[in-house]
Amino acid sequence: MGQLKLEERNGELTTVEEKPGQVSGDKAALKASLEAILFSMGDSIDPETIAQALDVSEETIRAVLDEMGKEYESEERGIRIIRLEGRYQLATKKELYPVLIRLVRQPKKISLSDVVLETLSIVAYKQPVTRAQIEKIRGVSCDHAINRLLEYGLICEAGRLDAPGRPILFGTTEEFLRHFGTDSLDELPRISPVKVEDFKAEAEEEAKMKLEV
């Protein structure tokens, strides 16, 4: 299979086959392939690797990437192609950094399922509490719920219990207070024993449904 190389025709760069009749010399298709490669890689990549993958000469890869970089600049695109010691990478234009910063700074919208919310309630009212103690109250495994709460930053590790195995203790965080609009744990509404029993009943029903499936 022949390689593609670059030739100047009528003042324009055109990709042509080094050996006719084997590979299409469509530069638009080559540009699309290069754009896809740079986008999917994320990090910088050297022209030699691209050339080997596409069976195109390294000279052509460099020339077309440089041409694409000029097009991105002239067309007021949100992305650009940068060169890092001979390697190429797709990047955001510097002028648009403020837009990205505003996006990142937007508050995260947290959606809590009933299971996660029940687990969080147990931690809030029983803290510091171990995973086993939480599961004893709910009656089912709480691995997923605890991991989700840790990911959201609503609970954190609050030490270890002085017992065999030294299990991790969990407690709520400042983010928990911020999320629920309260200044202190003392301001949390009192939970009735009936509600605790409701938690147990719902957990038992949940476990029963999983077994039936």
N, C-alpha and C. Protein backbone atom coordinates (compact mmCIF):
# COMPACT_ATOMS: atom_id res chain seq x y z
N MET A 1 0.84 -1.19 0.00
CA MET A 1 0.00 0.00 0.00
C MET A 1 0.88 1.25 0.00
N GLY A 2 0.69 2.15 -1.01
CA GLY A 2 1.53 3.32 -1.14
C GLY A 2 1.24 4.37 -0.10
N GLN A 3 2.21 5.26 0.12
CA GLN A 3 2.03 6.35 1.06
C GLN A 3 1.56 7.61 0.33
N LEU A 4 0.92 8.49 1.10
CA LEU A 4 0.54 9.79 0.56
C LEU A 4 1.68 10.77 0.80
N LYS A 5 1.90 11.65 -0.15
CA LYS A 5 2.89 12.72 0.04
C LYS A 5 2.27 14.03 -0.39
N LEU A 6 2.97 15.11 -0.13
CA LEU A 6 2.45 16.44 -0.39
C LEU A 6 3.10 17.03 -1.63
N GLU A 7 2.28 17.62 -2.49
CA GLU A 7 2.78 18.31 -3.67
C GLU A 7 2.07 19.65 -3.79
N GLU A 8 2.76 20.63 -4.39
CA GLU A 8 2.15 21.93 -4.60
C GLU A 8 1.62 22.00 -6.03
N ARG A 9 0.33 22.26 -6.15
CA ARG A 9 -0.31 22.36 -7.45
C ARG A 9 -1.13 23.64 -7.51
N ASN A 10 -0.83 24.47 -8.49
CA ASN A 10 -1.52 25.74 -8.65
C ASN A 10 -1.49 26.58 -7.37
N GLY A 11 -0.36 26.53 -6.67
CA GLY A 11 -0.19 27.35 -5.48
C GLY A 11 -0.82 26.77 -4.23
N GLU A 12 -1.37 25.55 -4.32
CA GLU A 12 -2.03 24.93 -3.16
C GLU A 12 -1.37 23.59 -2.85
N LEU A 13 -1.34 23.27 -1.56
CA LEU A 13 -0.80 21.97 -1.13
C LEU A 13 -1.84 20.89 -1.36
N THR A 14 -1.44 19.80 -1.99
CA THR A 14 -2.37 18.71 -2.29
C THR A 14 -1.70 17.39 -1.95
N THR A 15 -2.43 16.50 -1.33
CA THR A 15 -1.89 15.18 -1.04
C THR A 15 -2.09 14.28 -2.25
N VAL A 16 -1.03 13.59 -2.63
CA VAL A 16 -1.10 12.67 -3.77
C VAL A 16 -0.47 11.35 -3.36
N GLU A 17 -0.71 10.34 -4.12
CA GLU A 17 -0.15 9.02 -3.83
C GLU A 17 1.26 8.90 -4.39
N GLU A 18 2.13 8.30 -3.58
CA GLU A 18 3.47 8.04 -4.09
C GLU A 18 3.43 6.92 -5.13
N LYS A 19 2.47 5.98 -4.94
CA LYS A 19 2.25 4.91 -5.91
C LYS A 19 0.79 4.97 -6.32
N PRO A 20 0.48 5.34 -7.54
CA PRO A 20 -0.91 5.54 -7.97
C PRO A 20 -1.72 4.27 -7.90
N GLY A 21 -3.04 4.50 -7.66
CA GLY A 21 -3.98 3.39 -7.70
C GLY A 21 -4.14 2.62 -6.42
N GLN A 22 -3.60 3.16 -5.27
CA GLN A 22 -3.68 2.39 -4.02
C GLN A 22 -4.39 3.14 -2.90
N VAL A 23 -4.02 4.39 -2.66
CA VAL A 23 -4.59 5.14 -1.55
C VAL A 23 -5.20 6.43 -2.06
N SER A 24 -6.39 6.80 -1.58
CA SER A 24 -7.04 8.04 -1.98
C SER A 24 -6.27 9.23 -1.44
N GLY A 25 -6.09 10.27 -2.28
CA GLY A 25 -5.36 11.46 -1.87
C GLY A 25 -6.28 12.58 -1.44
N ASP A 26 -7.44 12.31 -0.89
CA ASP A 26 -8.40 13.31 -0.47
C ASP A 26 -7.88 14.00 0.78
N LYS A 27 -7.46 15.27 0.65
CA LYS A 27 -6.89 15.98 1.80
C LYS A 27 -7.94 16.27 2.86
N ALA A 28 -9.19 16.49 2.43
CA ALA A 28 -10.27 16.75 3.39
C ALA A 28 -10.45 15.55 4.32
N ALA A 29 -10.37 14.35 3.75
CA ALA A 29 -10.51 13.13 4.55
C ALA A 29 -9.32 12.99 5.50
N LEU A 30 -8.14 13.38 5.01
CA LEU A 30 -6.95 13.30 5.85
C LEU A 30 -7.06 14.26 7.02
N LYS A 31 -7.56 15.47 6.76
CA LYS A 31 -7.76 16.45 7.82
C LYS A 31 -8.74 15.94 8.87
N ALA A 32 -9.81 15.30 8.39
CA ALA A 32 -10.80 14.75 9.32
C ALA A 32 -10.17 13.68 10.20
N SER A 33 -9.32 12.85 9.59
CA SER A 33 -8.65 11.79 10.36
C SER A 33 -7.70 12.39 11.39
N LEU A 34 -6.97 13.41 11.00
CA LEU A 34 -6.04 14.05 11.93
C LEU A 34 -6.77 14.73 13.08
N GLU A 35 -7.88 15.38 12.76
CA GLU A 35 -8.67 16.03 13.80
C GLU A 35 -9.20 15.00 14.80
N ALA A 36 -9.67 13.87 14.27
CA ALA A 36 -10.18 12.81 15.14
C ALA A 36 -9.08 12.24 16.03
N ILE A 37 -7.89 12.08 15.48
CA ILE A 37 -6.76 11.54 16.24
C ILE A 37 -6.37 12.49 17.37
N LEU A 38 -6.22 13.77 17.04
CA LEU A 38 -5.82 14.74 18.05
C LEU A 38 -6.88 14.87 19.14
N PHE A 39 -8.15 14.83 18.75
CA PHE A 39 -9.23 14.96 19.73
C PHE A 39 -9.26 13.76 20.67
N SER A 40 -9.13 12.56 20.12
CA SER A 40 -9.22 11.36 20.95
C SER A 40 -7.99 11.15 21.82
N MET A 41 -6.82 11.60 21.34
CA MET A 41 -5.59 11.42 22.11
C MET A 41 -5.57 12.31 23.35
N GLY A 42 -6.01 13.55 23.20
CA GLY A 42 -5.97 14.48 24.34
C GLY A 42 -4.58 15.05 24.54
N ASP A 43 -3.59 14.20 24.73
CA ASP A 43 -2.21 14.64 24.90
C ASP A 43 -1.54 14.84 23.54
N SER A 44 -0.32 15.32 23.55
CA SER A 44 0.41 15.54 22.30
C SER A 44 0.83 14.22 21.67
N ILE A 45 1.00 14.23 20.36
CA ILE A 45 1.40 13.02 19.63
C ILE A 45 2.37 13.42 18.54
N ASP A 46 3.33 12.56 18.25
CA ASP A 46 4.34 12.90 17.26
C ASP A 46 3.87 12.53 15.85
N PRO A 47 4.27 13.29 14.85
CA PRO A 47 3.85 13.05 13.47
C PRO A 47 4.23 11.66 12.95
N GLU A 48 5.36 11.14 13.43
CA GLU A 48 5.82 9.83 12.97
C GLU A 48 4.81 8.75 13.31
N THR A 49 4.26 8.80 14.53
CA THR A 49 3.25 7.81 14.95
C THR A 49 2.00 7.92 14.09
N ILE A 50 1.57 9.15 13.83
CA ILE A 50 0.39 9.36 12.99
C ILE A 50 0.65 8.85 11.58
N ALA A 51 1.82 9.16 11.06
CA ALA A 51 2.17 8.76 9.69
C ALA A 51 2.12 7.25 9.53
N GLN A 52 2.62 6.55 10.52
CA GLN A 52 2.61 5.09 10.46
C GLN A 52 1.19 4.53 10.53
N ALA A 53 0.36 5.16 11.33
CA ALA A 53 -1.01 4.69 11.49
C ALA A 53 -1.85 4.93 10.24
N LEU A 54 -1.62 6.06 9.58
CA LEU A 54 -2.41 6.41 8.40
C LEU A 54 -1.75 6.03 7.09
N ASP A 55 -0.52 5.51 7.16
CA ASP A 55 0.24 5.17 5.96
C ASP A 55 0.41 6.40 5.06
N VAL A 56 0.79 7.49 5.68
CA VAL A 56 1.01 8.75 4.99
C VAL A 56 2.40 9.24 5.38
N SER A 57 3.07 9.94 4.48
CA SER A 57 4.42 10.40 4.79
C SER A 57 4.40 11.40 5.94
N GLU A 58 5.45 11.37 6.74
CA GLU A 58 5.56 12.27 7.88
C GLU A 58 5.57 13.72 7.43
N GLU A 59 6.18 13.98 6.27
CA GLU A 59 6.22 15.34 5.72
C GLU A 59 4.80 15.86 5.47
N THR A 60 3.96 14.98 4.93
CA THR A 60 2.58 15.37 4.65
C THR A 60 1.81 15.64 5.94
N ILE A 61 2.02 14.79 6.93
CA ILE A 61 1.33 14.97 8.21
C ILE A 61 1.66 16.32 8.82
N ARG A 62 2.95 16.67 8.83
CA ARG A 62 3.37 17.96 9.41
C ARG A 62 2.75 19.12 8.64
N ALA A 63 2.81 19.04 7.31
CA ALA A 63 2.32 20.14 6.48
C ALA A 63 0.81 20.34 6.65
N VAL A 64 0.07 19.24 6.67
CA VAL A 64 -1.39 19.34 6.79
C VAL A 64 -1.78 19.82 8.18
N LEU A 65 -1.09 19.36 9.22
CA LEU A 65 -1.38 19.83 10.58
C LEU A 65 -1.10 21.32 10.72
N ASP A 66 0.00 21.78 10.11
CA ASP A 66 0.32 23.21 10.15
C ASP A 66 -0.76 24.01 9.41
N GLU A 67 -1.23 23.47 8.29
CA GLU A 67 -2.28 24.12 7.52
C GLU A 67 -3.58 24.18 8.33
N MET A 68 -3.90 23.08 9.03
CA MET A 68 -5.11 23.05 9.86
C MET A 68 -5.01 24.07 10.99
N GLY A 69 -3.80 24.21 11.55
CA GLY A 69 -3.61 25.17 12.63
C GLY A 69 -3.91 26.58 12.17
N LYS A 70 -3.48 26.93 10.95
CA LYS A 70 -3.75 28.26 10.40
C LYS A 70 -5.24 28.44 10.14
N GLU A 71 -5.90 27.38 9.69
CA GLU A 71 -7.34 27.46 9.43
C GLU A 71 -8.11 27.70 10.72
N TYR A 72 -7.73 27.00 11.78
CA TYR A 72 -8.40 27.17 13.07
C TYR A 72 -8.29 28.62 13.55
N GLU A 73 -7.11 29.22 13.35
CA GLU A 73 -6.89 30.59 13.80
C GLU A 73 -7.72 31.56 12.97
N SER A 74 -7.76 31.36 11.67
CA SER A 74 -8.45 32.31 10.79
C SER A 74 -9.96 32.18 10.86
N GLU A 75 -10.47 31.01 11.24
CA GLU A 75 -11.91 30.79 11.26
C GLU A 75 -12.53 31.09 12.62
N GLU A 76 -11.75 31.65 13.54
CA GLU A 76 -12.26 31.99 14.87
C GLU A 76 -12.87 30.77 15.56
N ARG A 77 -12.16 29.67 15.49
CA ARG A 77 -12.62 28.44 16.15
C ARG A 77 -12.30 28.50 17.64
N GLY A 78 -12.94 27.63 18.42
CA GLY A 78 -12.68 27.59 19.85
C GLY A 78 -11.48 26.73 20.20
N ILE A 79 -10.95 26.02 19.23
CA ILE A 79 -9.80 25.15 19.46
C ILE A 79 -8.63 25.59 18.58
N ARG A 80 -7.47 25.09 18.91
CA ARG A 80 -6.27 25.40 18.13
C ARG A 80 -5.35 24.20 18.17
N ILE A 81 -4.42 24.15 17.26
CA ILE A 81 -3.41 23.09 17.25
C ILE A 81 -2.09 23.71 17.70
N ILE A 82 -1.49 23.12 18.72
CA ILE A 82 -0.22 23.64 19.24
C ILE A 82 0.89 22.64 18.99
N ARG A 83 2.11 23.14 18.92
CA ARG A 83 3.28 22.28 18.73
C ARG A 83 4.11 22.30 20.00
N LEU A 84 4.48 21.12 20.46
CA LEU A 84 5.28 20.97 21.67
C LEU A 84 6.49 20.10 21.35
N GLU A 85 7.61 20.76 21.07
CA GLU A 85 8.85 20.06 20.72
C GLU A 85 8.62 19.06 19.58
N GLY A 86 7.96 19.54 18.54
CA GLY A 86 7.76 18.71 17.36
C GLY A 86 6.52 17.84 17.41
N ARG A 87 5.86 17.78 18.55
CA ARG A 87 4.64 17.01 18.69
C ARG A 87 3.44 17.95 18.57
N TYR A 88 2.28 17.39 18.23
CA TYR A 88 1.09 18.20 18.01
C TYR A 88 -0.01 17.84 19.00
N GLN A 89 -0.78 18.85 19.37
CA GLN A 89 -1.87 18.62 20.33
C GLN A 89 -3.02 19.59 20.05
N LEU A 90 -4.24 19.10 20.24
CA LEU A 90 -5.43 19.94 20.13
C LEU A 90 -5.67 20.60 21.48
N ALA A 91 -5.88 21.91 21.48
CA ALA A 91 -6.04 22.64 22.73
C ALA A 91 -7.09 23.73 22.58
N THR A 92 -7.55 24.24 23.72
CA THR A 92 -8.50 25.35 23.73
C THR A 92 -7.75 26.66 23.51
N LYS A 93 -8.39 27.58 22.81
CA LYS A 93 -7.77 28.89 22.61
C LYS A 93 -7.67 29.64 23.94
N LYS A 94 -6.54 30.31 24.15
CA LYS A 94 -6.31 31.03 25.40
C LYS A 94 -7.38 32.08 25.66
N GLU A 95 -7.88 32.71 24.59
CA GLU A 95 -8.87 33.77 24.74
C GLU A 95 -10.17 33.28 25.37
N LEU A 96 -10.39 31.97 25.32
CA LEU A 96 -11.64 31.40 25.83
C LEU A 96 -11.49 30.80 27.23
N TYR A 97 -10.32 30.94 27.85
CA TYR A 97 -10.12 30.41 29.19
C TYR A 97 -11.14 30.96 30.19
N PRO A 98 -11.47 32.28 30.15
CA PRO A 98 -12.45 32.80 31.11
C PRO A 98 -13.80 32.09 31.03
N VAL A 99 -14.19 31.70 29.82
CA VAL A 99 -15.46 30.97 29.65
C VAL A 99 -15.40 29.63 30.37
N LEU A 100 -14.29 28.92 30.20
CA LEU A 100 -14.12 27.61 30.83
C LEU A 100 -14.05 27.73 32.35
N ILE A 101 -13.40 28.78 32.83
CA ILE A 101 -13.28 28.99 34.27
C ILE A 101 -14.65 29.21 34.89
N ARG A 102 -15.49 30.01 34.21
CA ARG A 102 -16.84 30.24 34.72
C ARG A 102 -17.64 28.95 34.77
N LEU A 103 -17.42 28.09 33.78
CA LEU A 103 -18.14 26.81 33.74
C LEU A 103 -17.73 25.92 34.90
N VAL A 104 -16.42 25.83 35.14
CA VAL A 104 -15.90 24.98 36.22
C VAL A 104 -16.35 25.48 37.59
N ARG A 105 -16.48 26.79 37.73
CA ARG A 105 -16.83 27.37 39.03
C ARG A 105 -18.32 27.26 39.34
N GLN A 106 -19.12 26.84 38.38
CA GLN A 106 -20.55 26.70 38.65
C GLN A 106 -20.77 25.62 39.71
N PRO A 107 -21.67 25.85 40.65
CA PRO A 107 -21.91 24.85 41.70
C PRO A 107 -22.44 23.55 41.12
N LYS A 108 -21.94 22.46 41.68
CA LYS A 108 -22.38 21.14 41.23
C LYS A 108 -23.80 20.85 41.72
N LYS A 109 -24.59 20.30 40.82
CA LYS A 109 -25.94 19.91 41.19
C LYS A 109 -25.93 18.45 41.62
N ILE A 110 -26.21 18.24 42.90
CA ILE A 110 -26.17 16.88 43.44
C ILE A 110 -27.58 16.32 43.53
N SER A 111 -27.75 15.16 42.94
CA SER A 111 -29.04 14.48 43.00
C SER A 111 -28.88 13.21 43.83
N LEU A 112 -29.61 13.13 44.95
CA LEU A 112 -29.47 12.00 45.86
C LEU A 112 -30.67 11.07 45.74
N SER A 113 -30.39 9.80 45.50
CA SER A 113 -31.47 8.81 45.46
C SER A 113 -31.95 8.54 46.88
N ASP A 114 -33.07 7.87 47.02
CA ASP A 114 -33.61 7.56 48.35
C ASP A 114 -32.60 6.75 49.18
N VAL A 115 -31.95 5.78 48.53
CA VAL A 115 -30.99 4.93 49.24
C VAL A 115 -29.82 5.76 49.76
N VAL A 116 -29.29 6.63 48.90
CA VAL A 116 -28.15 7.47 49.30
C VAL A 116 -28.57 8.45 50.39
N LEU A 117 -29.76 9.01 50.25
CA LEU A 117 -30.24 9.98 51.24
C LEU A 117 -30.46 9.31 52.60
N GLU A 118 -30.97 8.09 52.61
CA GLU A 118 -31.16 7.37 53.87
C GLU A 118 -29.82 7.08 54.53
N THR A 119 -28.85 6.68 53.73
CA THR A 119 -27.52 6.41 54.27
C THR A 119 -26.91 7.67 54.85
N LEU A 120 -27.08 8.78 54.15
CA LEU A 120 -26.57 10.06 54.63
C LEU A 120 -27.24 10.46 55.94
N SER A 121 -28.53 10.20 56.05
CA SER A 121 -29.26 10.52 57.28
C SER A 121 -28.70 9.75 58.47
N ILE A 122 -28.39 8.48 58.23
CA ILE A 122 -27.84 7.64 59.31
C ILE A 122 -26.49 8.18 59.76
N VAL A 123 -25.64 8.55 58.78
CA VAL A 123 -24.33 9.11 59.12
C VAL A 123 -24.50 10.40 59.91
N ALA A 124 -25.42 11.25 59.46
CA ALA A 124 -25.61 12.56 60.09
C ALA A 124 -26.05 12.42 61.54
N TYR A 125 -26.93 11.47 61.82
CA TYR A 125 -27.49 11.36 63.17
C TYR A 125 -26.72 10.41 64.08
N LYS A 126 -25.93 9.50 63.50
CA LYS A 126 -25.21 8.52 64.31
C LYS A 126 -23.70 8.74 64.34
N GLN A 127 -23.21 9.73 63.63
CA GLN A 127 -21.75 9.92 63.49
C GLN A 127 -21.04 10.16 64.82
N PRO A 128 -19.78 9.71 64.90
CA PRO A 128 -19.09 8.92 63.88
C PRO A 128 -19.60 7.48 63.86
N VAL A 129 -19.74 6.93 62.65
CA VAL A 129 -20.37 5.62 62.51
C VAL A 129 -19.61 4.80 61.48
N THR A 130 -19.55 3.50 61.71
CA THR A 130 -18.84 2.62 60.78
C THR A 130 -19.79 2.11 59.69
N ARG A 131 -19.20 1.57 58.66
CA ARG A 131 -19.98 0.98 57.57
C ARG A 131 -20.88 -0.14 58.10
N ALA A 132 -20.33 -0.97 58.97
CA ALA A 132 -21.09 -2.09 59.53
C ALA A 132 -22.29 -1.60 60.33
N GLN A 133 -22.10 -0.52 61.09
CA GLN A 133 -23.20 0.03 61.87
C GLN A 133 -24.30 0.60 60.97
N ILE A 134 -23.90 1.22 59.87
CA ILE A 134 -24.87 1.74 58.92
C ILE A 134 -25.67 0.59 58.32
N GLU A 135 -24.96 -0.46 57.93
CA GLU A 135 -25.62 -1.60 57.30
C GLU A 135 -26.51 -2.35 58.28
N LYS A 136 -26.16 -2.31 59.56
CA LYS A 136 -27.01 -2.95 60.57
C LYS A 136 -28.34 -2.23 60.68
N ILE A 137 -28.32 -0.91 60.56
CA ILE A 137 -29.55 -0.12 60.64
C ILE A 137 -30.39 -0.32 59.38
N ARG A 138 -29.74 -0.28 58.21
CA ARG A 138 -30.48 -0.40 56.96
C ARG A 138 -30.80 -1.85 56.62
N GLY A 139 -29.95 -2.75 57.07
CA GLY A 139 -30.21 -4.16 56.79
C GLY A 139 -29.66 -4.66 55.48
N VAL A 140 -29.03 -3.78 54.72
CA VAL A 140 -28.45 -4.17 53.43
C VAL A 140 -27.10 -3.50 53.26
N SER A 141 -26.36 -3.95 52.25
CA SER A 141 -25.05 -3.38 51.96
C SER A 141 -25.19 -1.91 51.55
N CYS A 142 -24.24 -1.09 52.00
CA CYS A 142 -24.28 0.35 51.72
C CYS A 142 -23.04 0.82 50.96
N ASP A 143 -22.31 -0.10 50.35
CA ASP A 143 -21.07 0.26 49.67
C ASP A 143 -21.29 1.35 48.63
N HIS A 144 -22.26 1.16 47.76
CA HIS A 144 -22.50 2.12 46.69
C HIS A 144 -22.88 3.49 47.25
N ALA A 145 -23.78 3.49 48.23
CA ALA A 145 -24.24 4.76 48.80
C ALA A 145 -23.09 5.51 49.48
N ILE A 146 -22.27 4.81 50.24
CA ILE A 146 -21.15 5.44 50.93
C ILE A 146 -20.14 6.00 49.93
N ASN A 147 -19.84 5.21 48.90
CA ASN A 147 -18.90 5.69 47.88
C ASN A 147 -19.42 6.93 47.18
N ARG A 148 -20.72 6.95 46.93
CA ARG A 148 -21.33 8.11 46.27
C ARG A 148 -21.25 9.35 47.17
N LEU A 149 -21.52 9.16 48.46
CA LEU A 149 -21.47 10.28 49.40
C LEU A 149 -20.05 10.81 49.57
N LEU A 150 -19.07 9.90 49.54
CA LEU A 150 -17.67 10.32 49.60
C LEU A 150 -17.30 11.11 48.35
N GLU A 151 -17.80 10.66 47.21
CA GLU A 151 -17.53 11.33 45.94
C GLU A 151 -18.12 12.74 45.94
N TYR A 152 -19.31 12.89 46.49
CA TYR A 152 -19.96 14.20 46.55
C TYR A 152 -19.35 15.10 47.63
N GLY A 153 -18.54 14.52 48.51
CA GLY A 153 -17.93 15.31 49.58
C GLY A 153 -18.88 15.61 50.71
N LEU A 154 -19.98 14.84 50.82
CA LEU A 154 -20.96 15.07 51.88
C LEU A 154 -20.57 14.35 53.17
N ILE A 155 -19.76 13.28 53.04
CA ILE A 155 -19.23 12.60 54.21
C ILE A 155 -17.73 12.41 54.01
N CYS A 156 -17.03 12.10 55.10
CA CYS A 156 -15.60 11.87 55.02
C CYS A 156 -15.19 10.87 56.09
N GLU A 157 -13.97 10.38 55.99
CA GLU A 157 -13.44 9.50 57.02
C GLU A 157 -13.14 10.33 58.26
N ALA A 158 -13.64 9.87 59.40
CA ALA A 158 -13.49 10.64 60.64
C ALA A 158 -12.71 9.85 61.68
N GLY A 159 -11.73 9.09 61.23
CA GLY A 159 -10.93 8.30 62.15
C GLY A 159 -11.24 6.83 62.05
N ARG A 160 -10.79 6.07 63.04
CA ARG A 160 -11.03 4.63 63.07
C ARG A 160 -11.51 4.21 64.46
N LEU A 161 -12.38 3.23 64.45
CA LEU A 161 -12.93 2.73 65.72
C LEU A 161 -11.89 1.87 66.42
N ASP A 162 -11.76 2.04 67.73
CA ASP A 162 -10.80 1.26 68.51
C ASP A 162 -11.41 -0.12 68.77
N ALA A 163 -11.36 -0.96 67.75
CA ALA A 163 -11.95 -2.29 67.81
C ALA A 163 -11.18 -3.18 66.84
N PRO A 164 -11.36 -4.49 66.91
CA PRO A 164 -10.66 -5.40 65.99
C PRO A 164 -10.87 -4.98 64.53
N GLY A 165 -9.76 -4.90 63.79
CA GLY A 165 -9.85 -4.49 62.40
C GLY A 165 -9.81 -2.99 62.20
N ARG A 166 -10.02 -2.24 63.32
CA ARG A 166 -10.03 -0.78 63.28
C ARG A 166 -10.82 -0.25 62.08
N PRO A 167 -12.14 -0.51 62.05
CA PRO A 167 -12.96 -0.05 60.93
C PRO A 167 -13.01 1.47 60.84
N ILE A 168 -13.19 1.96 59.62
CA ILE A 168 -13.25 3.41 59.37
C ILE A 168 -14.55 3.99 59.92
N LEU A 169 -14.42 5.15 60.54
CA LEU A 169 -15.59 5.89 61.01
C LEU A 169 -15.92 6.99 59.99
N PHE A 170 -17.20 7.19 59.76
CA PHE A 170 -17.63 8.22 58.82
C PHE A 170 -18.40 9.32 59.52
N GLY A 171 -18.23 10.54 59.02
CA GLY A 171 -18.96 11.68 59.56
C GLY A 171 -19.28 12.64 58.42
N THR A 172 -20.14 13.60 58.69
CA THR A 172 -20.50 14.57 57.67
C THR A 172 -19.44 15.66 57.55
N THR A 173 -19.51 16.43 56.48
CA THR A 173 -18.54 17.47 56.20
C THR A 173 -19.19 18.86 56.21
N GLU A 174 -18.36 19.88 56.02
CA GLU A 174 -18.90 21.23 55.88
C GLU A 174 -19.76 21.33 54.62
N GLU A 175 -19.40 20.57 53.60
CA GLU A 175 -20.20 20.57 52.37
C GLU A 175 -21.60 20.06 52.64
N PHE A 176 -21.73 19.13 53.58
CA PHE A 176 -23.04 18.62 53.97
C PHE A 176 -23.89 19.77 54.55
N LEU A 177 -23.30 20.53 55.47
CA LEU A 177 -24.00 21.66 56.07
C LEU A 177 -24.36 22.70 55.01
N ARG A 178 -23.42 22.94 54.11
CA ARG A 178 -23.63 23.93 53.06
C ARG A 178 -24.75 23.49 52.12
N HIS A 179 -24.74 22.22 51.78
CA HIS A 179 -25.72 21.68 50.84
C HIS A 179 -27.14 21.74 51.39
N PHE A 180 -27.28 21.49 52.69
CA PHE A 180 -28.61 21.46 53.29
C PHE A 180 -28.97 22.78 53.99
N GLY A 181 -28.10 23.78 53.83
CA GLY A 181 -28.40 25.11 54.33
C GLY A 181 -28.53 25.21 55.84
N THR A 182 -27.64 24.54 56.56
CA THR A 182 -27.66 24.62 58.02
C THR A 182 -26.28 24.97 58.54
N ASP A 183 -26.23 25.67 59.66
CA ASP A 183 -24.95 26.12 60.22
C ASP A 183 -24.29 25.10 61.12
N SER A 184 -25.09 24.22 61.68
CA SER A 184 -24.55 23.28 62.66
C SER A 184 -25.38 22.00 62.66
N LEU A 185 -24.75 20.91 63.09
CA LEU A 185 -25.46 19.64 63.22
C LEU A 185 -26.54 19.74 64.28
N ASP A 186 -26.36 20.67 65.22
CA ASP A 186 -27.36 20.84 66.28
C ASP A 186 -28.68 21.34 65.72
N GLU A 187 -28.65 21.93 64.52
CA GLU A 187 -29.86 22.47 63.92
C GLU A 187 -30.64 21.44 63.11
N LEU A 188 -30.08 20.24 63.00
CA LEU A 188 -30.79 19.19 62.26
C LEU A 188 -32.08 18.83 62.98
N PRO A 189 -33.16 18.59 62.24
CA PRO A 189 -34.42 18.19 62.89
C PRO A 189 -34.27 16.86 63.59
N ARG A 190 -34.96 16.71 64.70
CA ARG A 190 -34.88 15.46 65.44
C ARG A 190 -35.58 14.35 64.65
N ILE A 191 -34.95 13.19 64.64
CA ILE A 191 -35.53 12.07 63.91
C ILE A 191 -36.21 11.13 64.92
N SER A 192 -37.41 10.72 64.61
CA SER A 192 -38.17 9.88 65.52
C SER A 192 -37.81 8.42 65.34
N PRO A 193 -37.99 7.61 66.41
CA PRO A 193 -37.74 6.18 66.30
C PRO A 193 -38.59 5.53 65.21
N VAL A 194 -39.77 6.11 64.95
CA VAL A 194 -40.64 5.56 63.92
C VAL A 194 -39.98 5.66 62.55
N LYS A 195 -39.30 6.80 62.31
CA LYS A 195 -38.63 6.99 61.04
C LYS A 195 -37.49 6.00 60.86
N VAL A 196 -36.80 5.69 61.94
CA VAL A 196 -35.73 4.70 61.88
C VAL A 196 -36.30 3.35 61.47
N GLU A 197 -37.45 3.01 62.05
CA GLU A 197 -38.09 1.74 61.69
C GLU A 197 -38.53 1.76 60.23
N ASP A 198 -38.94 2.92 59.75
CA ASP A 198 -39.32 3.05 58.34
C ASP A 198 -38.11 2.76 57.45
N PHE A 199 -36.95 3.29 57.85
CA PHE A 199 -35.72 3.02 57.10
C PHE A 199 -35.45 1.52 57.02
N LYS A 200 -35.61 0.85 58.18
CA LYS A 200 -35.35 -0.59 58.23
C LYS A 200 -36.32 -1.34 57.31
N ALA A 201 -37.60 -0.96 57.36
CA ALA A 201 -38.62 -1.63 56.55
C ALA A 201 -38.34 -1.44 55.06
N GLU A 202 -37.97 -0.21 54.67
CA GLU A 202 -37.68 0.06 53.27
C GLU A 202 -36.45 -0.72 52.81
N ALA A 203 -35.44 -0.81 53.69
CA ALA A 203 -34.23 -1.55 53.35
C ALA A 203 -34.51 -3.04 53.19
N GLU A 204 -35.35 -3.58 54.08
CA GLU A 204 -35.71 -4.98 53.99
C GLU A 204 -36.48 -5.27 52.70
N GLU A 205 -37.36 -4.35 52.32
CA GLU A 205 -38.12 -4.50 51.08
C GLU A 205 -37.20 -4.44 49.87
N GLU A 206 -36.22 -3.54 49.95
CA GLU A 206 -35.23 -3.42 48.88
C GLU A 206 -34.43 -4.71 48.72
N ALA A 207 -34.00 -5.28 49.84
CA ALA A 207 -33.23 -6.52 49.81
C ALA A 207 -34.08 -7.67 49.28
N LYS A 208 -35.34 -7.70 49.66
CA LYS A 208 -36.25 -8.76 49.20
C LYS A 208 -36.43 -8.70 47.69
N MET A 209 -36.58 -7.48 47.16
CA MET A 209 -36.76 -7.31 45.73
C MET A 209 -35.53 -7.77 44.96
N LYS A 210 -34.34 -7.50 45.50
CA LYS A 210 -33.10 -7.92 44.84
C LYS A 210 -32.99 -9.44 44.80
N LEU A 211 -33.42 -10.09 45.90
CA LEU A 211 -33.37 -11.55 45.95
C LEU A 211 -34.34 -12.17 44.96
N GLU A 212 -35.51 -11.55 44.79
CA GLU A 212 -36.49 -12.08 43.86
C GLU A 212 -36.04 -11.97 42.43
N VAL A 213 -35.25 -10.90 42.13
CA VAL A 213 -34.74 -10.74 40.78
C VAL A 213 -33.67 -11.80 40.49
